[in-house]
PDB file of N, CA and C in Angstrom:
ATOM      1  N   UNK A   1     -18.173 -18.748  -2.338  1.00  0.00           N
ATOM      2  CA  UNK A   1     -18.939 -19.316  -1.245  1.00  0.00           C
ATOM      3  C   UNK A   1     -18.057 -20.335  -0.534  1.00  0.00           C
ATOM      4  N   UNK A   2     -17.874 -20.133   0.771  1.00  0.00           N
ATOM      5  CA  UNK A   2     -16.978 -20.984   1.540  1.00  0.00           C
ATOM      6  C   UNK A   2     -17.639 -22.273   2.019  1.00  0.00           C
ATOM      7  N   UNK A   3     -18.933 -22.208   2.346  1.00  0.00           N
ATOM      8  CA  UNK A   3     -19.628 -23.403   2.830  1.00  0.00           C
ATOM      9  C   UNK A   3     -20.915 -23.619   2.047  1.00  0.00           C
ATOM     10  N   UNK A   4     -21.246 -24.873   1.861  1.00  0.00           N
ATOM     11  CA  UNK A   4     -22.501 -25.244   1.209  1.00  0.00           C
ATOM     12  C   UNK A   4     -23.402 -25.871   2.260  1.00  0.00           C
ATOM     13  N   UNK A   5     -24.647 -26.070   1.892  1.00  0.00           N
ATOM     14  CA  UNK A   5     -25.566 -26.716   2.834  1.00  0.00           C
ATOM     15  C   UNK A   5     -25.120 -28.155   3.111  1.00  0.00           C
ATOM     16  N   UNK A   6     -24.539 -28.798   2.115  1.00  0.00           N
ATOM     17  CA  UNK A   6     -24.004 -30.149   2.314  1.00  0.00           C
ATOM     18  C   UNK A   6     -22.872 -30.154   3.340  1.00  0.00           C
ATOM     19  N   UNK A   7     -21.971 -29.155   3.259  1.00  0.00           N
ATOM     20  CA  UNK A   7     -20.908 -29.014   4.264  1.00  0.00           C
ATOM     21  C   UNK A   7     -21.516 -28.814   5.643  1.00  0.00           C
ATOM     22  N   UNK A   8     -22.495 -27.944   5.696  1.00  0.00           N
ATOM     23  CA  UNK A   8     -23.158 -27.603   6.957  1.00  0.00           C
ATOM     24  C   UNK A   8     -23.723 -28.855   7.627  1.00  0.00           C
ATOM     25  N   UNK A   9     -24.428 -29.671   6.855  1.00  0.00           N
ATOM     26  CA  UNK A   9     -25.009 -30.896   7.408  1.00  0.00           C
ATOM     27  C   UNK A   9     -23.941 -31.929   7.743  1.00  0.00           C
ATOM     28  N   UNK A  10     -22.954 -32.087   6.883  1.00  0.00           N
ATOM     29  CA  UNK A  10     -21.925 -33.110   7.124  1.00  0.00           C
ATOM     30  C   UNK A  10     -21.071 -32.790   8.355  1.00  0.00           C
ATOM     31  N   UNK A  11     -20.980 -31.509   8.717  1.00  0.00           N
ATOM     32  CA  UNK A  11     -20.241 -31.126   9.917  1.00  0.00           C
ATOM     33  C   UNK A  11     -21.096 -31.236  11.177  1.00  0.00           C
ATOM     34  N   UNK A  12     -22.361 -31.636  11.020  1.00  0.00           N
ATOM     35  CA  UNK A  12     -23.212 -31.893  12.179  1.00  0.00           C
ATOM     36  C   UNK A  12     -24.101 -30.748  12.612  1.00  0.00           C
ATOM     37  N   UNK A  13     -24.259 -29.746  11.793  1.00  0.00           N
ATOM     38  CA  UNK A  13     -25.094 -28.604  12.140  1.00  0.00           C
ATOM     39  C   UNK A  13     -26.471 -28.757  11.510  1.00  0.00           C
ATOM     40  N   UNK A  14     -27.495 -28.222  12.180  1.00  0.00           N
ATOM     41  CA  UNK A  14     -28.850 -28.400  11.647  1.00  0.00           C
ATOM     42  C   UNK A  14     -29.822 -27.286  12.024  1.00  0.00           C
ATOM     43  N   UNK A  15     -29.381 -26.250  12.682  1.00  0.00           N
ATOM     44  CA  UNK A  15     -30.296 -25.204  13.154  1.00  0.00           C
ATOM     45  C   UNK A  15     -30.929 -24.412  12.010  1.00  0.00           C
ATOM     46  N   UNK A  16     -30.154 -24.115  10.988  1.00  0.00           N
ATOM     47  CA  UNK A  16     -30.635 -23.278   9.885  1.00  0.00           C
ATOM     48  C   UNK A  16     -31.321 -24.166   8.840  1.00  0.00           C
ATOM     49  N   UNK A  17     -32.595 -23.872   8.515  1.00  0.00           N
ATOM     50  CA  UNK A  17     -33.267 -24.653   7.477  1.00  0.00           C
ATOM     51  C   UNK A  17     -32.656 -24.407   6.102  1.00  0.00           C
ATOM     52  N   UNK A  18     -32.794 -25.383   5.223  1.00  0.00           N
ATOM     53  CA  UNK A  18     -32.182 -25.310   3.893  1.00  0.00           C
ATOM     54  C   UNK A  18     -32.627 -24.078   3.124  1.00  0.00           C
ATOM     55  N   UNK A  19     -33.920 -23.714   3.234  1.00  0.00           N
ATOM     56  CA  UNK A  19     -34.436 -22.559   2.486  1.00  0.00           C
ATOM     57  C   UNK A  19     -33.776 -21.250   2.900  1.00  0.00           C
ATOM     58  N   UNK A  20     -33.326 -21.160   4.134  1.00  0.00           N
ATOM     59  CA  UNK A  20     -32.748 -19.920   4.633  1.00  0.00           C
ATOM     60  C   UNK A  20     -31.227 -19.976   4.736  1.00  0.00           C
ATOM     61  N   UNK A  21     -30.634 -21.098   4.391  1.00  0.00           N
ATOM     62  CA  UNK A  21     -29.193 -21.290   4.587  1.00  0.00           C
ATOM     63  C   UNK A  21     -28.343 -20.281   3.824  1.00  0.00           C
ATOM     64  N   UNK A  22     -28.664 -20.020   2.582  1.00  0.00           N
ATOM     65  CA  UNK A  22     -27.853 -19.110   1.758  1.00  0.00           C
ATOM     66  C   UNK A  22     -27.716 -17.746   2.427  1.00  0.00           C
ATOM     67  N   UNK A  23     -28.812 -17.240   2.929  1.00  0.00           N
ATOM     68  CA  UNK A  23     -28.792 -15.919   3.573  1.00  0.00           C
ATOM     69  C   UNK A  23     -27.862 -15.906   4.793  1.00  0.00           C
ATOM     70  N   UNK A  24     -28.003 -16.919   5.657  1.00  0.00           N
ATOM     71  CA  UNK A  24     -27.207 -16.934   6.884  1.00  0.00           C
ATOM     72  C   UNK A  24     -25.754 -17.313   6.635  1.00  0.00           C
ATOM     73  N   UNK A  25     -25.496 -18.149   5.625  1.00  0.00           N
ATOM     74  CA  UNK A  25     -24.100 -18.468   5.311  1.00  0.00           C
ATOM     75  C   UNK A  25     -23.408 -17.243   4.712  1.00  0.00           C
ATOM     76  N   UNK A  26     -24.127 -16.469   3.906  1.00  0.00           N
ATOM     77  CA  UNK A  26     -23.561 -15.225   3.367  1.00  0.00           C
ATOM     78  C   UNK A  26     -23.238 -14.242   4.490  1.00  0.00           C
ATOM     79  N   UNK A  27     -24.129 -14.142   5.465  1.00  0.00           N
ATOM     80  CA  UNK A  27     -23.882 -13.255   6.610  1.00  0.00           C
ATOM     81  C   UNK A  27     -22.636 -13.705   7.376  1.00  0.00           C
ATOM     82  N   UNK A  28     -22.499 -15.015   7.564  1.00  0.00           N
ATOM     83  CA  UNK A  28     -21.344 -15.560   8.284  1.00  0.00           C
ATOM     84  C   UNK A  28     -20.049 -15.270   7.518  1.00  0.00           C
ATOM     85  N   UNK A  29     -20.068 -15.465   6.211  1.00  0.00           N
ATOM     86  CA  UNK A  29     -18.881 -15.225   5.407  1.00  0.00           C
ATOM     87  C   UNK A  29     -18.492 -13.751   5.397  1.00  0.00           C
ATOM     88  N   UNK A  30     -19.462 -12.874   5.265  1.00  0.00           N
ATOM     89  CA  UNK A  30     -19.165 -11.436   5.273  1.00  0.00           C
ATOM     90  C   UNK A  30     -18.614 -10.999   6.620  1.00  0.00           C
ATOM     91  N   UNK A  31     -19.144 -11.582   7.691  1.00  0.00           N
ATOM     92  CA  UNK A  31     -18.641 -11.256   9.024  1.00  0.00           C
ATOM     93  C   UNK A  31     -17.196 -11.707   9.166  1.00  0.00           C
ATOM     94  N   UNK A  32     -16.895 -12.927   8.723  1.00  0.00           N
ATOM     95  CA  UNK A  32     -15.519 -13.432   8.807  1.00  0.00           C
ATOM     96  C   UNK A  32     -14.579 -12.590   7.950  1.00  0.00           C
ATOM     97  N   UNK A  33     -15.022 -12.195   6.767  1.00  0.00           N
ATOM     98  CA  UNK A  33     -14.184 -11.375   5.885  1.00  0.00           C
ATOM     99  C   UNK A  33     -13.878 -10.018   6.512  1.00  0.00           C
ATOM    100  N   UNK A  34     -14.821  -9.497   7.286  1.00  0.00           N
ATOM    101  CA  UNK A  34     -14.604  -8.216   7.952  1.00  0.00           C
ATOM    102  C   UNK A  34     -13.399  -8.263   8.880  1.00  0.00           C
ATOM    103  N   UNK A  35     -13.178  -9.429   9.494  1.00  0.00           N
ATOM    104  CA  UNK A  35     -12.071  -9.572  10.430  1.00  0.00           C
ATOM    105  C   UNK A  35     -10.830 -10.184   9.793  1.00  0.00           C
ATOM    106  N   UNK A  36     -10.937 -10.654   8.568  1.00  0.00           N
ATOM    107  CA  UNK A  36      -9.835 -11.376   7.928  1.00  0.00           C
ATOM    108  C   UNK A  36      -8.782 -10.444   7.368  1.00  0.00           C
ATOM    109  N   UNK A  37      -7.581 -10.959   7.326  1.00  0.00           N
ATOM    110  CA  UNK A  37      -6.462 -10.201   6.755  1.00  0.00           C
ATOM    111  C   UNK A  37      -6.716  -9.974   5.270  1.00  0.00           C
ATOM    112  N   UNK A  38      -6.706  -8.734   4.858  1.00  0.00           N
ATOM    113  CA  UNK A  38      -6.888  -8.402   3.455  1.00  0.00           C
ATOM    114  C   UNK A  38      -8.297  -8.679   2.944  1.00  0.00           C
ATOM    115  N   UNK A  39      -9.251  -8.851   3.822  1.00  0.00           N
ATOM    116  CA  UNK A  39     -10.653  -9.101   3.467  1.00  0.00           C
ATOM    117  C   UNK A  39     -10.850 -10.352   2.621  1.00  0.00           C
ATOM    118  N   UNK A  40      -9.915 -11.273   2.654  1.00  0.00           N
ATOM    119  CA  UNK A  40     -10.073 -12.516   1.919  1.00  0.00           C
ATOM    120  C   UNK A  40      -9.493 -13.641   2.759  1.00  0.00           C
ATOM    121  N   UNK A  41     -10.271 -14.672   2.964  1.00  0.00           N
ATOM    122  CA  UNK A  41      -9.794 -15.810   3.728  1.00  0.00           C
ATOM    123  C   UNK A  41      -9.257 -16.824   2.729  1.00  0.00           C
ATOM    124  N   UNK A  42      -7.993 -17.168   2.879  1.00  0.00           N
ATOM    125  CA  UNK A  42      -7.387 -18.142   1.971  1.00  0.00           C
ATOM    126  C   UNK A  42      -7.177 -19.455   2.706  1.00  0.00           C
ATOM    127  N   UNK A  43      -7.072 -20.522   1.953  1.00  0.00           N
ATOM    128  CA  UNK A  43      -6.837 -21.858   2.505  1.00  0.00           C
ATOM    129  C   UNK A  43      -7.894 -22.245   3.544  1.00  0.00           C
ATOM    130  N   UNK A  44      -9.143 -22.221   3.122  1.00  0.00           N
ATOM    131  CA  UNK A  44     -10.245 -22.609   4.011  1.00  0.00           C
ATOM    132  C   UNK A  44     -10.079 -24.075   4.397  1.00  0.00           C
ATOM    133  N   UNK A  45     -10.056 -24.343   5.694  1.00  0.00           N
ATOM    134  CA  UNK A  45      -9.950 -25.720   6.163  1.00  0.00           C
ATOM    135  C   UNK A  45     -11.217 -26.107   6.924  1.00  0.00           C
ATOM    136  N   UNK A  46     -11.243 -27.299   7.455  1.00  0.00           N
ATOM    137  CA  UNK A  46     -12.439 -27.810   8.145  1.00  0.00           C
ATOM    138  C   UNK A  46     -12.778 -26.955   9.368  1.00  0.00           C
ATOM    139  N   UNK A  47     -11.761 -26.510  10.114  1.00  0.00           N
ATOM    140  CA  UNK A  47     -12.026 -25.653  11.281  1.00  0.00           C
ATOM    141  C   UNK A  47     -12.685 -24.347  10.862  1.00  0.00           C
ATOM    142  N   UNK A  48     -12.209 -23.750   9.772  1.00  0.00           N
ATOM    143  CA  UNK A  48     -12.804 -22.508   9.282  1.00  0.00           C
ATOM    144  C   UNK A  48     -14.263 -22.722   8.904  1.00  0.00           C
ATOM    145  N   UNK A  49     -14.538 -23.848   8.245  1.00  0.00           N
ATOM    146  CA  UNK A  49     -15.917 -24.150   7.861  1.00  0.00           C
ATOM    147  C   UNK A  49     -16.797 -24.328   9.093  1.00  0.00           C
ATOM    148  N   UNK A  50     -16.275 -24.977  10.124  1.00  0.00           N
ATOM    149  CA  UNK A  50     -17.038 -25.118  11.370  1.00  0.00           C
ATOM    150  C   UNK A  50     -17.340 -23.752  11.983  1.00  0.00           C
ATOM    151  N   UNK A  51     -16.360 -22.878  11.953  1.00  0.00           N
ATOM    152  CA  UNK A  51     -16.567 -21.529  12.481  1.00  0.00           C
ATOM    153  C   UNK A  51     -17.659 -20.794  11.726  1.00  0.00           C
ATOM    154  N   UNK A  52     -17.646 -20.893  10.406  1.00  0.00           N
ATOM    155  CA  UNK A  52     -18.680 -20.245   9.600  1.00  0.00           C
ATOM    156  C   UNK A  52     -20.052 -20.847   9.878  1.00  0.00           C
ATOM    157  N   UNK A  53     -20.101 -22.160  10.066  1.00  0.00           N
ATOM    158  CA  UNK A  53     -21.376 -22.813  10.403  1.00  0.00           C
ATOM    159  C   UNK A  53     -21.900 -22.323  11.752  1.00  0.00           C
ATOM    160  N   UNK A  54     -21.005 -22.181  12.714  1.00  0.00           N
ATOM    161  CA  UNK A  54     -21.433 -21.712  14.036  1.00  0.00           C
ATOM    162  C   UNK A  54     -21.896 -20.265  13.999  1.00  0.00           C
ATOM    163  N   UNK A  55     -21.238 -19.449  13.199  1.00  0.00           N
ATOM    164  CA  UNK A  55     -21.670 -18.052  13.071  1.00  0.00           C
ATOM    165  C   UNK A  55     -23.041 -17.991  12.409  1.00  0.00           C
ATOM    166  N   UNK A  56     -23.261 -18.798  11.383  1.00  0.00           N
ATOM    167  CA  UNK A  56     -24.582 -18.856  10.740  1.00  0.00           C
ATOM    168  C   UNK A  56     -25.634 -19.279  11.760  1.00  0.00           C
ATOM    169  N   UNK A  57     -25.313 -20.274  12.593  1.00  0.00           N
ATOM    170  CA  UNK A  57     -26.238 -20.710  13.643  1.00  0.00           C
ATOM    171  C   UNK A  57     -26.524 -19.592  14.641  1.00  0.00           C
ATOM    172  N   UNK A  58     -25.483 -18.841  15.019  1.00  0.00           N
ATOM    173  CA  UNK A  58     -25.673 -17.734  15.959  1.00  0.00           C
ATOM    174  C   UNK A  58     -26.615 -16.682  15.388  1.00  0.00           C
ATOM    175  N   UNK A  59     -26.407 -16.320  14.123  1.00  0.00           N
ATOM    176  CA  UNK A  59     -27.297 -15.345  13.493  1.00  0.00           C
ATOM    177  C   UNK A  59     -28.728 -15.872  13.438  1.00  0.00           C
ATOM    178  N   UNK A  60     -28.877 -17.136  13.073  1.00  0.00           N
ATOM    179  CA  UNK A  60     -30.222 -17.707  12.946  1.00  0.00           C
ATOM    180  C   UNK A  60     -30.928 -17.782  14.301  1.00  0.00           C
ATOM    181  N   UNK A  61     -30.246 -18.275  15.314  1.00  0.00           N
ATOM    182  CA  UNK A  61     -30.890 -18.403  16.627  1.00  0.00           C
ATOM    183  C   UNK A  61     -31.171 -17.040  17.247  1.00  0.00           C
ATOM    184  N   UNK A  62     -30.289 -16.075  17.003  1.00  0.00           N
ATOM    185  CA  UNK A  62     -30.519 -14.712  17.521  1.00  0.00           C
ATOM    186  C   UNK A  62     -31.801 -14.129  16.937  1.00  0.00           C
ATOM    187  N   UNK A  63     -32.014 -14.364  15.670  1.00  0.00           N
ATOM    188  CA  UNK A  63     -33.196 -13.813  15.005  1.00  0.00           C
ATOM    189  C   UNK A  63     -34.477 -14.551  15.390  1.00  0.00           C
ATOM    190  N   UNK A  64     -34.379 -15.830  15.705  1.00  0.00           N
ATOM    191  CA  UNK A  64     -35.568 -16.654  15.914  1.00  0.00           C
ATOM    192  C   UNK A  64     -35.831 -17.067  17.356  1.00  0.00           C
ATOM    193  N   UNK A  65     -35.201 -16.438  18.316  1.00  0.00           N
ATOM    194  CA  UNK A  65     -35.482 -16.755  19.710  1.00  0.00           C
ATOM    195  C   UNK A  65     -36.087 -15.548  20.410  1.00  0.00           C
ATOM    196  N   UNK A  66     -36.662 -15.786  21.566  1.00  0.00           N
ATOM    197  CA  UNK A  66     -37.186 -14.682  22.358  1.00  0.00           C
ATOM    198  C   UNK A  66     -36.034 -13.830  22.848  1.00  0.00           C
ATOM    199  N   UNK A  67     -36.145 -12.539  22.672  1.00  0.00           N
ATOM    200  CA  UNK A  67     -35.061 -11.649  23.082  1.00  0.00           C
ATOM    201  C   UNK A  67     -35.006 -11.420  24.582  1.00  0.00           C
ATOM    202  N   UNK A  68     -36.137 -11.513  25.237  1.00  0.00           N
ATOM    203  CA  UNK A  68     -36.170 -11.208  26.659  1.00  0.00           C
ATOM    204  C   UNK A  68     -36.859 -12.341  27.425  1.00  0.00           C
ATOM    205  N   UNK A  69     -36.103 -13.364  27.813  1.00  0.00           N
ATOM    206  CA  UNK A  69     -36.727 -14.443  28.572  1.00  0.00           C
ATOM    207  C   UNK A  69     -37.205 -13.941  29.931  1.00  0.00           C
ATOM    208  N   UNK A  70     -38.245 -14.544  30.421  1.00  0.00           N
ATOM    209  CA  UNK A  70     -38.821 -14.136  31.703  1.00  0.00           C
ATOM    210  C   UNK A  70     -37.890 -14.574  32.824  1.00  0.00           C
ATOM    211  N   UNK A  71     -37.442 -13.627  33.611  1.00  0.00           N
ATOM    212  CA  UNK A  71     -36.568 -13.949  34.732  1.00  0.00           C
ATOM    213  C   UNK A  71     -37.215 -13.588  36.062  1.00  0.00           C
ATOM    214  N   UNK A  72     -38.432 -13.078  35.990  1.00  0.00           N
ATOM    215  CA  UNK A  72     -39.146 -12.704  37.204  1.00  0.00           C
ATOM    216  C   UNK A  72     -40.326 -11.820  36.844  1.00  0.00           C
ATOM    217  N   UNK A  73     -41.005 -11.325  37.855  1.00  0.00           N
ATOM    218  CA  UNK A  73     -42.116 -10.419  37.600  1.00  0.00           C
ATOM    219  C   UNK A  73     -42.300  -9.523  38.810  1.00  0.00           C
ATOM    220  N   UNK A  74     -43.049  -8.448  38.607  1.00  0.00           N
ATOM    221  CA  UNK A  74     -43.392  -7.577  39.723  1.00  0.00           C
ATOM    222  C   UNK A  74     -44.840  -7.140  39.557  1.00  0.00           C
ATOM    223  N   UNK A  75     -45.504  -6.986  40.687  1.00  0.00           N
ATOM    224  CA  UNK A  75     -46.896  -6.595  40.707  1.00  0.00           C
ATOM    225  C   UNK A  75     -47.089  -5.656  41.891  1.00  0.00           C
ATOM    226  N   UNK A  76     -47.329  -4.403  41.618  1.00  0.00           N
ATOM    227  CA  UNK A  76     -47.426  -3.350  42.624  1.00  0.00           C
ATOM    228  C   UNK A  76     -46.200  -3.387  43.531  1.00  0.00           C
ATOM    229  N   UNK A  77     -46.318  -3.791  44.774  1.00  0.00           N
ATOM    230  CA  UNK A  77     -45.177  -3.780  45.696  1.00  0.00           C
ATOM    231  C   UNK A  77     -44.535  -5.159  45.872  1.00  0.00           C
ATOM    232  N   UNK A  78     -44.938  -6.119  45.085  1.00  0.00           N
ATOM    233  CA  UNK A  78     -44.410  -7.477  45.207  1.00  0.00           C
ATOM    234  C   UNK A  78     -43.567  -7.815  43.988  1.00  0.00           C
ATOM    235  N   UNK A  79     -42.418  -8.417  44.241  1.00  0.00           N
ATOM    236  CA  UNK A  79     -41.521  -8.754  43.130  1.00  0.00           C
ATOM    237  C   UNK A  79     -40.888 -10.114  43.377  1.00  0.00           C
ATOM    238  N   UNK A  80     -40.796 -10.933  42.315  1.00  0.00           N
ATOM    239  CA  UNK A  80     -40.098 -12.215  42.383  1.00  0.00           C
ATOM    240  C   UNK A  80     -39.040 -12.254  41.286  1.00  0.00           C
ATOM    241  N   UNK A  81     -37.851 -12.690  41.652  1.00  0.00           N
ATOM    242  CA  UNK A  81     -36.751 -12.845  40.703  1.00  0.00           C
ATOM    243  C   UNK A  81     -36.397 -14.322  40.662  1.00  0.00           C
ATOM    244  N   UNK A  82     -36.522 -14.942  39.495  1.00  0.00           N
ATOM    245  CA  UNK A  82     -36.266 -16.372  39.371  1.00  0.00           C
ATOM    246  C   UNK A  82     -34.792 -16.680  39.182  1.00  0.00           C
ATOM    247  N   UNK A  83     -34.136 -15.975  38.324  1.00  0.00           N
ATOM    248  CA  UNK A  83     -32.723 -16.185  38.058  1.00  0.00           C
ATOM    249  C   UNK A  83     -32.174 -14.931  37.396  1.00  0.00           C
ATOM    250  N   UNK A  84     -30.890 -14.818  37.430  1.00  0.00           N
ATOM    251  CA  UNK A  84     -30.230 -13.666  36.819  1.00  0.00           C
ATOM    252  C   UNK A  84     -30.016 -13.957  35.339  1.00  0.00           C
ATOM    253  N   UNK A  85     -30.573 -13.144  34.477  1.00  0.00           N
ATOM    254  CA  UNK A  85     -30.402 -13.328  33.045  1.00  0.00           C
ATOM    255  C   UNK A  85     -29.080 -12.684  32.642  1.00  0.00           C
ATOM    256  N   UNK A  86     -28.203 -13.503  32.090  1.00  0.00           N
ATOM    257  CA  UNK A  86     -26.913 -13.003  31.645  1.00  0.00           C
ATOM    258  C   UNK A  86     -26.801 -13.269  30.164  1.00  0.00           C
ATOM    259  N   UNK A  87     -26.878 -12.244  29.369  1.00  0.00           N
ATOM    260  CA  UNK A  87     -26.803 -12.414  27.934  1.00  0.00           C
ATOM    261  C   UNK A  87     -25.486 -11.850  27.419  1.00  0.00           C
ATOM    262  N   UNK A  88     -24.829 -12.647  26.641  1.00  0.00           N
ATOM    263  CA  UNK A  88     -23.605 -12.198  26.000  1.00  0.00           C
ATOM    264  C   UNK A  88     -24.009 -11.665  24.638  1.00  0.00           C
ATOM    265  N   UNK A  89     -23.467 -10.537  24.274  1.00  0.00           N
ATOM    266  CA  UNK A  89     -23.861  -9.929  23.007  1.00  0.00           C
ATOM    267  C   UNK A  89     -23.485 -10.832  21.834  1.00  0.00           C
ATOM    268  N   UNK A  90     -24.233 -10.699  20.768  1.00  0.00           N
ATOM    269  CA  UNK A  90     -23.992 -11.484  19.566  1.00  0.00           C
ATOM    270  C   UNK A  90     -22.596 -11.209  19.019  1.00  0.00           C
ATOM    271  N   UNK A  91     -22.169  -9.962  19.025  1.00  0.00           N
ATOM    272  CA  UNK A  91     -20.845  -9.609  18.513  1.00  0.00           C
ATOM    273  C   UNK A  91     -19.753 -10.310  19.315  1.00  0.00           C
ATOM    274  N   UNK A  92     -19.917 -10.386  20.614  1.00  0.00           N
ATOM    275  CA  UNK A  92     -18.939 -11.064  21.476  1.00  0.00           C
ATOM    276  C   UNK A  92     -18.889 -12.558  21.174  1.00  0.00           C
ATOM    277  N   UNK A  93     -20.056 -13.176  20.980  1.00  0.00           N
ATOM    278  CA  UNK A  93     -20.109 -14.600  20.653  1.00  0.00           C
ATOM    279  C   UNK A  93     -19.431 -14.872  19.313  1.00  0.00           C
ATOM    280  N   UNK A  94     -19.686 -14.015  18.336  1.00  0.00           N
ATOM    281  CA  UNK A  94     -19.076 -14.185  17.018  1.00  0.00           C
ATOM    282  C   UNK A  94     -17.562 -14.040  17.108  1.00  0.00           C
ATOM    283  N   UNK A  95     -17.092 -13.060  17.857  1.00  0.00           N
ATOM    284  CA  UNK A  95     -15.650 -12.871  18.006  1.00  0.00           C
ATOM    285  C   UNK A  95     -15.010 -14.100  18.652  1.00  0.00           C
ATOM    286  N   UNK A  96     -15.657 -14.679  19.657  1.00  0.00           N
ATOM    287  CA  UNK A  96     -15.125 -15.879  20.306  1.00  0.00           C
ATOM    288  C   UNK A  96     -15.060 -17.056  19.331  1.00  0.00           C
ATOM    289  N   UNK A  97     -16.066 -17.198  18.468  1.00  0.00           N
ATOM    290  CA  UNK A  97     -16.053 -18.258  17.460  1.00  0.00           C
ATOM    291  C   UNK A  97     -14.925 -18.026  16.470  1.00  0.00           C
ATOM    292  N   UNK A  98     -14.750 -16.792  16.013  1.00  0.00           N
ATOM    293  CA  UNK A  98     -13.664 -16.478  15.079  1.00  0.00           C
ATOM    294  C   UNK A  98     -12.308 -16.803  15.691  1.00  0.00           C
ATOM    295  N   UNK A  99     -12.118 -16.450  16.944  1.00  0.00           N
ATOM    296  CA  UNK A  99     -10.839 -16.725  17.613  1.00  0.00           C
ATOM    297  C   UNK A  99     -10.612 -18.221  17.786  1.00  0.00           C
ATOM    298  N   UNK A 100     -11.679 -18.976  17.938  1.00  0.00           N
ATOM    299  CA  UNK A 100     -11.567 -20.416  18.136  1.00  0.00           C
ATOM    300  C   UNK A 100     -11.259 -21.158  16.837  1.00  0.00           C
ATOM    301  N   UNK A 101     -11.882 -20.769  15.741  1.00  0.00           N
ATOM    302  CA  UNK A 101     -11.796 -21.538  14.507  1.00  0.00           C
ATOM    303  C   UNK A 101     -10.883 -20.948  13.425  1.00  0.00           C
ATOM    304  N   UNK A 102     -10.372 -19.751  13.632  1.00  0.00           N
ATOM    305  CA  UNK A 102      -9.481 -19.134  12.658  1.00  0.00           C
ATOM    306  C   UNK A 102      -8.147 -18.837  13.329  1.00  0.00           C
ATOM    307  N   UNK A 103      -7.071 -18.941  12.565  1.00  0.00           N
ATOM    308  CA  UNK A 103      -5.746 -18.673  13.122  1.00  0.00           C
ATOM    309  C   UNK A 103      -5.547 -17.159  13.255  1.00  0.00           C
ATOM    310  N   UNK A 104      -4.646 -16.757  14.130  1.00  0.00           N
ATOM    311  CA  UNK A 104      -4.365 -15.315  14.244  1.00  0.00           C
ATOM    312  C   UNK A 104      -3.889 -14.711  12.918  1.00  0.00           C
ATOM    313  N   UNK A 105      -3.162 -15.499  12.122  1.00  0.00           N
ATOM    314  CA  UNK A 105      -2.696 -14.993  10.828  1.00  0.00           C
ATOM    315  C   UNK A 105      -3.865 -14.709   9.899  1.00  0.00           C
ATOM    316  N   UNK A 106      -4.916 -15.522   9.980  1.00  0.00           N
ATOM    317  CA  UNK A 106      -6.079 -15.303   9.131  1.00  0.00           C
ATOM    318  C   UNK A 106      -6.872 -14.072   9.567  1.00  0.00           C
ATOM    319  N   UNK A 107      -6.833 -13.771  10.853  1.00  0.00           N
ATOM    320  CA  UNK A 107      -7.620 -12.661  11.366  1.00  0.00           C
ATOM    321  C   UNK A 107      -6.830 -11.361  11.483  1.00  0.00           C
ATOM    322  N   UNK A 108      -5.511 -11.432  11.419  1.00  0.00           N
ATOM    323  CA  UNK A 108      -4.690 -10.229  11.589  1.00  0.00           C
ATOM    324  C   UNK A 108      -4.805  -9.324  10.376  1.00  0.00           C
ATOM    325  N   UNK A 109      -5.143  -8.060  10.614  1.00  0.00           N
ATOM    326  CA  UNK A 109      -5.307  -7.105   9.514  1.00  0.00           C
ATOM    327  C   UNK A 109      -4.208  -6.064   9.494  1.00  0.00           C
ATOM    328  N   UNK A 110      -3.320  -6.109  10.439  1.00  0.00           N
ATOM    329  CA  UNK A 110      -2.237  -5.117  10.481  1.00  0.00           C
ATOM    330  C   UNK A 110      -2.674  -3.850  11.187  1.00  0.00           C
ATOM    331  N   UNK A 111      -1.742  -2.940  11.330  1.00  0.00           N
ATOM    332  CA  UNK A 111      -2.032  -1.705  12.034  1.00  0.00           C
ATOM    333  C   UNK A 111      -2.032  -0.552  11.070  1.00  0.00           C
TER     334      UNK A 111
END
């Protein structure tokens, strides 16, 4: 286990409740291992822990937020558009976090 709930709180994160933390931290670690060289992340540092915390937060908020925010409505021949909803996929957000908090050597898996 790379991060504990104590690490999560001490780094300033709070979105995931303690009762559900193990599940989301495991998801974050498995996701990071999928992209890691040799499927094992060595020399975990504070930046890596922050990345795992952010991935856990992304998974938690994705599961617990409305998937389709109201951006307008239509009624027969009348339509109003309030704003353009631009959603970045969860996979894209996770990849950006991995690139930010992990070194290329940690993420490089070879060809």
